[in-house]
Amino acid sequence: MDNKTNVMRVLDQHKLPYRAHAYQTDAAISGIDVADRLGLPQAAVFKTLVTVGKSKKYYVFMIPVAEELSLKKAAKVTGEKSVEMIPAKELLPLTGYVHGGCSPIGMKKQFPTYIDQTAAQEPVLYFSAGKIGLQIEASLDVLTKVVPVQLADVTTAEETDAL
């Protein structure tokens, strides 16, 4: 691939294995649409969300595309009284990424990052390569080598007995 994203450059720099998957984007599409276009299980495709706590500290959450972030659970794992999604217009100046192309790897600044505990059940994860139309396939182990992520129950989905 000629046009490497910052995400790919970071993974290459650490000599970590990954695969890039391109998909067609004709309009703003959801994470579920991305999974469907690539023929991937929705449970393995993760979206990256950026929040701000009551303390004004920022936090990153990775959750399966078909799930919703529980702001209550997010506040609990971060030790904040409350957290909220940052406005979309603040995403690019804060992270260097646009809405729909935000990746936990290669942000302008490293923020505490939490990934939904279901990630531990997936042999590989798919997440944004740092631009719309491109996903990275890598294991959770690879991700943790470049981003200090913590597994946590952070979605609104019902608790499962799988873990």
C-alpha atoms as a PDB file:
ATOM      1  CA  MET A   1       0.000   0.000   0.000  1.00  0.00           C
ATOM      2  CA  ASP A   2       1.499   3.281  -1.131  1.00  0.00           C
ATOM      3  CA  ASN A   3      -0.370   5.711   1.096  1.00  0.00           C
ATOM      4  CA  LYS A   4       0.491   4.617   4.589  1.00  0.00           C
ATOM      5  CA  THR A   5      -1.430   6.228   7.392  1.00  0.00           C
ATOM      6  CA  ASN A   6       0.141   7.323  10.651  1.00  0.00           C
ATOM      7  CA  VAL A   7      -1.372   4.181  12.229  1.00  0.00           C
ATOM      8  CA  MET A   8       0.453   1.942   9.743  1.00  0.00           C
ATOM      9  CA  ARG A   9       3.711   3.848  10.200  1.00  0.00           C
ATOM     10  CA  VAL A  10       3.522   3.327  13.987  1.00  0.00           C
ATOM     11  CA  LEU A  11       2.832  -0.401  13.566  1.00  0.00           C
ATOM     12  CA  ASP A  12       5.654  -0.707  10.999  1.00  0.00           C
ATOM     13  CA  GLN A  13       8.049   1.181  13.280  1.00  0.00           C
ATOM     14  CA  HIS A  14       7.363  -1.393  16.015  1.00  0.00           C
ATOM     15  CA  LYS A  15       7.628  -4.233  13.454  1.00  0.00           C
ATOM     16  CA  LEU A  16       4.157  -5.471  14.390  1.00  0.00           C
ATOM     17  CA  PRO A  17       1.955  -7.589  12.113  1.00  0.00           C
ATOM     18  CA  TYR A  18      -1.270  -6.123  10.716  1.00  0.00           C
ATOM     19  CA  ARG A  19      -3.369  -6.086   7.575  1.00  0.00           C
ATOM     20  CA  ALA A  20      -5.088  -3.097   6.005  1.00  0.00           C
ATOM     21  CA  HIS A  21      -8.578  -3.411   4.518  1.00  0.00           C
ATOM     22  CA  ALA A  22      -9.957  -0.722   2.205  1.00  0.00           C
ATOM     23  CA  TYR A  23     -13.668  -0.191   1.624  1.00  0.00           C
ATOM     24  CA  GLN A  24     -15.716   2.113  -0.575  1.00  0.00           C
ATOM     25  CA  THR A  25     -17.150   5.225   1.033  1.00  0.00           C
ATOM     26  CA  ASP A  26     -19.824   7.060  -0.881  1.00  0.00           C
ATOM     27  CA  ALA A  27     -21.286   8.920   2.082  1.00  0.00           C
ATOM     28  CA  ALA A  28     -21.053   8.916   5.846  1.00  0.00           C
ATOM     29  CA  ILE A  29     -21.457   5.264   6.754  1.00  0.00           C
ATOM     30  CA  SER A  30     -21.798   3.654  10.145  1.00  0.00           C
ATOM     31  CA  GLY A  31     -19.420   1.174  11.722  1.00  0.00           C
ATOM     32  CA  ILE A  32     -22.010  -1.528  11.089  1.00  0.00           C
ATOM     33  CA  ASP A  33     -21.933  -0.618   7.380  1.00  0.00           C
ATOM     34  CA  VAL A  34     -18.128  -0.881   7.443  1.00  0.00           C
ATOM     35  CA  ALA A  35     -18.308  -4.372   8.969  1.00  0.00           C
ATOM     36  CA  ASP A  36     -20.915  -5.428   6.405  1.00  0.00           C
ATOM     37  CA  ARG A  37     -18.972  -3.995   3.428  1.00  0.00           C
ATOM     38  CA  LEU A  38     -15.846  -5.854   4.513  1.00  0.00           C
ATOM     39  CA  GLY A  39     -17.779  -9.039   5.353  1.00  0.00           C
ATOM     40  CA  LEU A  40     -16.565  -8.944   8.963  1.00  0.00           C
ATOM     41  CA  PRO A  41     -18.334  -9.951  12.189  1.00  0.00           C
ATOM     42  CA  GLN A  42     -19.691  -6.829  13.890  1.00  0.00           C
ATOM     43  CA  ALA A  43     -18.361  -8.043  17.256  1.00  0.00           C
ATOM     44  CA  ALA A  44     -14.771  -7.837  15.939  1.00  0.00           C
ATOM     45  CA  VAL A  45     -15.055  -4.352  14.384  1.00  0.00           C
ATOM     46  CA  PHE A  46     -14.399  -1.578  16.896  1.00  0.00           C
ATOM     47  CA  LYS A  47     -15.138   2.134  16.812  1.00  0.00           C
ATOM     48  CA  THR A  48     -12.947   4.637  18.637  1.00  0.00           C
ATOM     49  CA  LEU A  49     -14.735   7.243  20.750  1.00  0.00           C
ATOM     50  CA  VAL A  50     -13.207  10.213  22.544  1.00  0.00           C
ATOM     51  CA  THR A  51     -14.742  11.571  25.732  1.00  0.00           C
ATOM     52  CA  VAL A  52     -14.021  14.257  28.286  1.00  0.00           C
ATOM     53  CA  GLY A  53     -14.487  13.855  32.009  1.00  0.00           C
ATOM     54  CA  LYS A  54     -15.835  16.325  34.550  1.00  0.00           C
ATOM     55  CA  SER A  55     -12.151  16.973  35.452  1.00  0.00           C
ATOM     56  CA  LYS A  56     -11.568  18.081  31.800  1.00  0.00           C
ATOM     57  CA  LYS A  57      -9.308  15.044  31.193  1.00  0.00           C
ATOM     58  CA  TYR A  58      -9.786  13.126  27.930  1.00  0.00           C
ATOM     59  CA  TYR A  59     -10.395   9.387  27.595  1.00  0.00           C
ATOM     60  CA  VAL A  60     -10.550   7.078  24.585  1.00  0.00           C
ATOM     61  CA  PHE A  61     -12.918   4.117  24.362  1.00  0.00           C
ATOM     62  CA  MET A  62     -12.969   1.325  21.800  1.00  0.00           C
ATOM     63  CA  ILE A  63     -16.239  -0.563  21.552  1.00  0.00           C
ATOM     64  CA  PRO A  64     -17.838  -2.946  19.028  1.00  0.00           C
ATOM     65  CA  VAL A  65     -19.543  -0.995  16.229  1.00  0.00           C
ATOM     66  CA  ALA A  66     -23.010  -2.347  17.042  1.00  0.00           C
ATOM     67  CA  GLU A  67     -22.774  -1.295  20.701  1.00  0.00           C
ATOM     68  CA  GLU A  68     -23.211   2.001  22.513  1.00  0.00           C
ATOM     69  CA  LEU A  69     -20.825   3.445  25.093  1.00  0.00           C
ATOM     70  CA  SER A  70     -22.308   3.528  28.590  1.00  0.00           C
ATOM     71  CA  LEU A  71     -21.298   6.953  29.894  1.00  0.00           C
ATOM     72  CA  LYS A  72     -22.074   5.756  33.413  1.00  0.00           C
ATOM     73  CA  LYS A  73     -19.714   2.759  33.095  1.00  0.00           C
ATOM     74  CA  ALA A  74     -17.127   4.970  31.363  1.00  0.00           C
ATOM     75  CA  ALA A  75     -17.202   7.401  34.285  1.00  0.00           C
ATOM     76  CA  LYS A  76     -16.826   4.533  36.744  1.00  0.00           C
ATOM     77  CA  VAL A  77     -13.746   2.992  35.052  1.00  0.00           C
ATOM     78  CA  THR A  78     -12.054   6.383  34.687  1.00  0.00           C
ATOM     79  CA  GLY A  79     -12.810   7.470  38.245  1.00  0.00           C
ATOM     80  CA  GLU A  80     -14.708  10.527  36.978  1.00  0.00           C
ATOM     81  CA  LYS A  81     -18.027  11.851  38.296  1.00  0.00           C
ATOM     82  CA  SER A  82     -19.219  11.941  34.695  1.00  0.00           C
ATOM     83  CA  VAL A  83     -17.929  11.723  31.131  1.00  0.00           C
ATOM     84  CA  GLU A  84     -19.414  12.949  27.886  1.00  0.00           C
ATOM     85  CA  MET A  85     -18.601  12.625  24.203  1.00  0.00           C
ATOM     86  CA  ILE A  86     -16.500  15.491  22.882  1.00  0.00           C
ATOM     87  CA  PRO A  87     -18.105  17.640  20.169  1.00  0.00           C
ATOM     88  CA  ALA A  88     -17.168  16.397  16.665  1.00  0.00           C
ATOM     89  CA  LYS A  89     -15.523  19.754  15.840  1.00  0.00           C
ATOM     90  CA  GLU A  90     -13.005  19.203  18.663  1.00  0.00           C
ATOM     91  CA  LEU A  91     -11.920  15.762  17.434  1.00  0.00           C
ATOM     92  CA  LEU A  92      -9.480  16.808  14.688  1.00  0.00           C
ATOM     93  CA  PRO A  93      -7.585  19.480  16.690  1.00  0.00           C
ATOM     94  CA  LEU A  94      -7.380  17.170  19.725  1.00  0.00           C
ATOM     95  CA  THR A  95      -6.489  13.848  18.081  1.00  0.00           C
ATOM     96  CA  GLY A  96      -5.413  14.602  14.537  1.00  0.00           C
ATOM     97  CA  TYR A  97      -8.237  12.414  13.239  1.00  0.00           C
ATOM     98  CA  VAL A  98     -11.621  13.165  11.679  1.00  0.00           C
ATOM     99  CA  HIS A  99     -14.955  11.728  12.769  1.00  0.00           C
ATOM    100  CA  GLY A 100     -15.252   8.277  11.180  1.00  0.00           C
ATOM    101  CA  GLY A 101     -11.482   7.922  10.852  1.00  0.00           C
ATOM    102  CA  CYS A 102     -10.390   8.086  14.484  1.00  0.00           C
ATOM    103  CA  SER A 103      -7.894   5.451  15.603  1.00  0.00           C
ATOM    104  CA  PRO A 104      -6.471   4.747  19.062  1.00  0.00           C
ATOM    105  CA  ILE A 105      -3.004   4.517  17.470  1.00  0.00           C
ATOM    106  CA  GLY A 106      -1.103   7.657  16.516  1.00  0.00           C
ATOM    107  CA  MET A 107      -3.191  10.352  18.172  1.00  0.00           C
ATOM    108  CA  LYS A 108      -1.471  13.706  18.707  1.00  0.00           C
ATOM    109  CA  LYS A 109      -1.365  12.883  22.428  1.00  0.00           C
ATOM    110  CA  GLN A 110      -1.829   9.533  24.166  1.00  0.00           C
ATOM    111  CA  PHE A 111      -4.940   9.506  26.348  1.00  0.00           C
ATOM    112  CA  PRO A 112      -6.019   6.774  28.769  1.00  0.00           C
ATOM    113  CA  THR A 113      -7.588   4.149  26.509  1.00  0.00           C
ATOM    114  CA  TYR A 114     -10.172   1.528  27.416  1.00  0.00           C
ATOM    115  CA  ILE A 115     -11.404  -1.269  25.183  1.00  0.00           C
ATOM    116  CA  ASP A 116     -14.580  -3.199  25.788  1.00  0.00           C
ATOM    117  CA  GLN A 117     -13.867  -6.498  27.510  1.00  0.00           C
ATOM    118  CA  THR A 118     -15.416  -8.422  24.598  1.00  0.00           C
ATOM    119  CA  ALA A 119     -12.218  -7.688  22.632  1.00  0.00           C
ATOM    120  CA  ALA A 120     -10.495 -10.439  24.616  1.00  0.00           C
ATOM    121  CA  GLN A 121     -12.806 -12.982  22.944  1.00  0.00           C
ATOM    122  CA  GLU A 122     -11.840 -11.979  19.392  1.00  0.00           C
ATOM    123  CA  PRO A 123      -8.766 -13.516  17.699  1.00  0.00           C
ATOM    124  CA  VAL A 124      -8.322 -10.298  15.697  1.00  0.00           C
ATOM    125  CA  LEU A 125      -9.765  -6.809  15.947  1.00  0.00           C
ATOM    126  CA  TYR A 126     -10.606  -4.363  13.189  1.00  0.00           C
ATOM    127  CA  PHE A 127     -10.391  -0.636  13.824  1.00  0.00           C
ATOM    128  CA  SER A 128      -9.782   2.563  11.890  1.00  0.00           C
ATOM    129  CA  ALA A 129      -6.454   2.946  10.146  1.00  0.00           C
ATOM    130  CA  GLY A 130      -6.692   6.691  10.723  1.00  0.00           C
ATOM    131  CA  LYS A 131      -8.726   7.624   7.677  1.00  0.00           C
ATOM    132  CA  ILE A 132     -12.189   6.929   6.389  1.00  0.00           C
ATOM    133  CA  GLY A 133     -12.203   3.978   3.985  1.00  0.00           C
ATOM    134  CA  LEU A 134      -9.420   2.014   5.675  1.00  0.00           C
ATOM    135  CA  GLN A 135      -9.443  -0.463   8.560  1.00  0.00           C
ATOM    136  CA  ILE A 136      -6.590  -2.217  10.350  1.00  0.00           C
ATOM    137  CA  GLU A 137      -6.746  -5.895  11.268  1.00  0.00           C
ATOM    138  CA  ALA A 138      -4.557  -6.764  14.249  1.00  0.00           C
ATOM    139  CA  SER A 139      -4.707  -8.808  17.417  1.00  0.00           C
ATOM    140  CA  LEU A 140      -5.416  -7.278  20.809  1.00  0.00           C
ATOM    141  CA  ASP A 141      -1.835  -8.207  21.716  1.00  0.00           C
ATOM    142  CA  VAL A 142      -0.498  -6.106  18.822  1.00  0.00           C
ATOM    143  CA  LEU A 143      -2.692  -3.159  19.819  1.00  0.00           C
ATOM    144  CA  THR A 144      -1.489  -3.286  23.436  1.00  0.00           C
ATOM    145  CA  LYS A 145       2.129  -3.086  22.281  1.00  0.00           C
ATOM    146  CA  VAL A 146       1.567   0.444  20.910  1.00  0.00           C
ATOM    147  CA  VAL A 147      -1.332   1.741  23.027  1.00  0.00           C
ATOM    148  CA  PRO A 148      -1.649   1.010  26.746  1.00  0.00           C
ATOM    149  CA  VAL A 149      -5.272  -0.186  26.704  1.00  0.00           C
ATOM    150  CA  GLN A 150      -7.256  -1.483  29.629  1.00  0.00           C
ATOM    151  CA  LEU A 151     -10.044  -4.024  29.190  1.00  0.00           C
ATOM    152  CA  ALA A 152     -13.288  -2.868  30.799  1.00  0.00           C
ATOM    153  CA  ASP A 153     -17.040  -3.368  30.669  1.00  0.00           C
ATOM    154  CA  VAL A 154     -18.034  -0.070  29.032  1.00  0.00           C
ATOM    155  CA  THR A 155     -20.984  -0.795  26.741  1.00  0.00           C
ATOM    156  CA  THR A 156     -24.688  -0.591  27.374  1.00  0.00           C
ATOM    157  CA  ALA A 157     -24.999  -4.252  26.320  1.00  0.00           C
ATOM    158  CA  GLU A 158     -26.173  -6.683  28.946  1.00  0.00           C
ATOM    159  CA  GLU A 159     -23.512  -8.481  30.941  1.00  0.00           C
ATOM    160  CA  THR A 160     -22.543 -11.856  29.511  1.00  0.00           C
ATOM    161  CA  ASP A 161     -21.302 -14.870  31.390  1.00  0.00           C
ATOM    162  CA  ALA A 162     -18.616 -15.441  28.745  1.00  0.00           C
ATOM    163  CA  LEU A 163     -15.831 -13.856  30.783  1.00  0.00           C
END
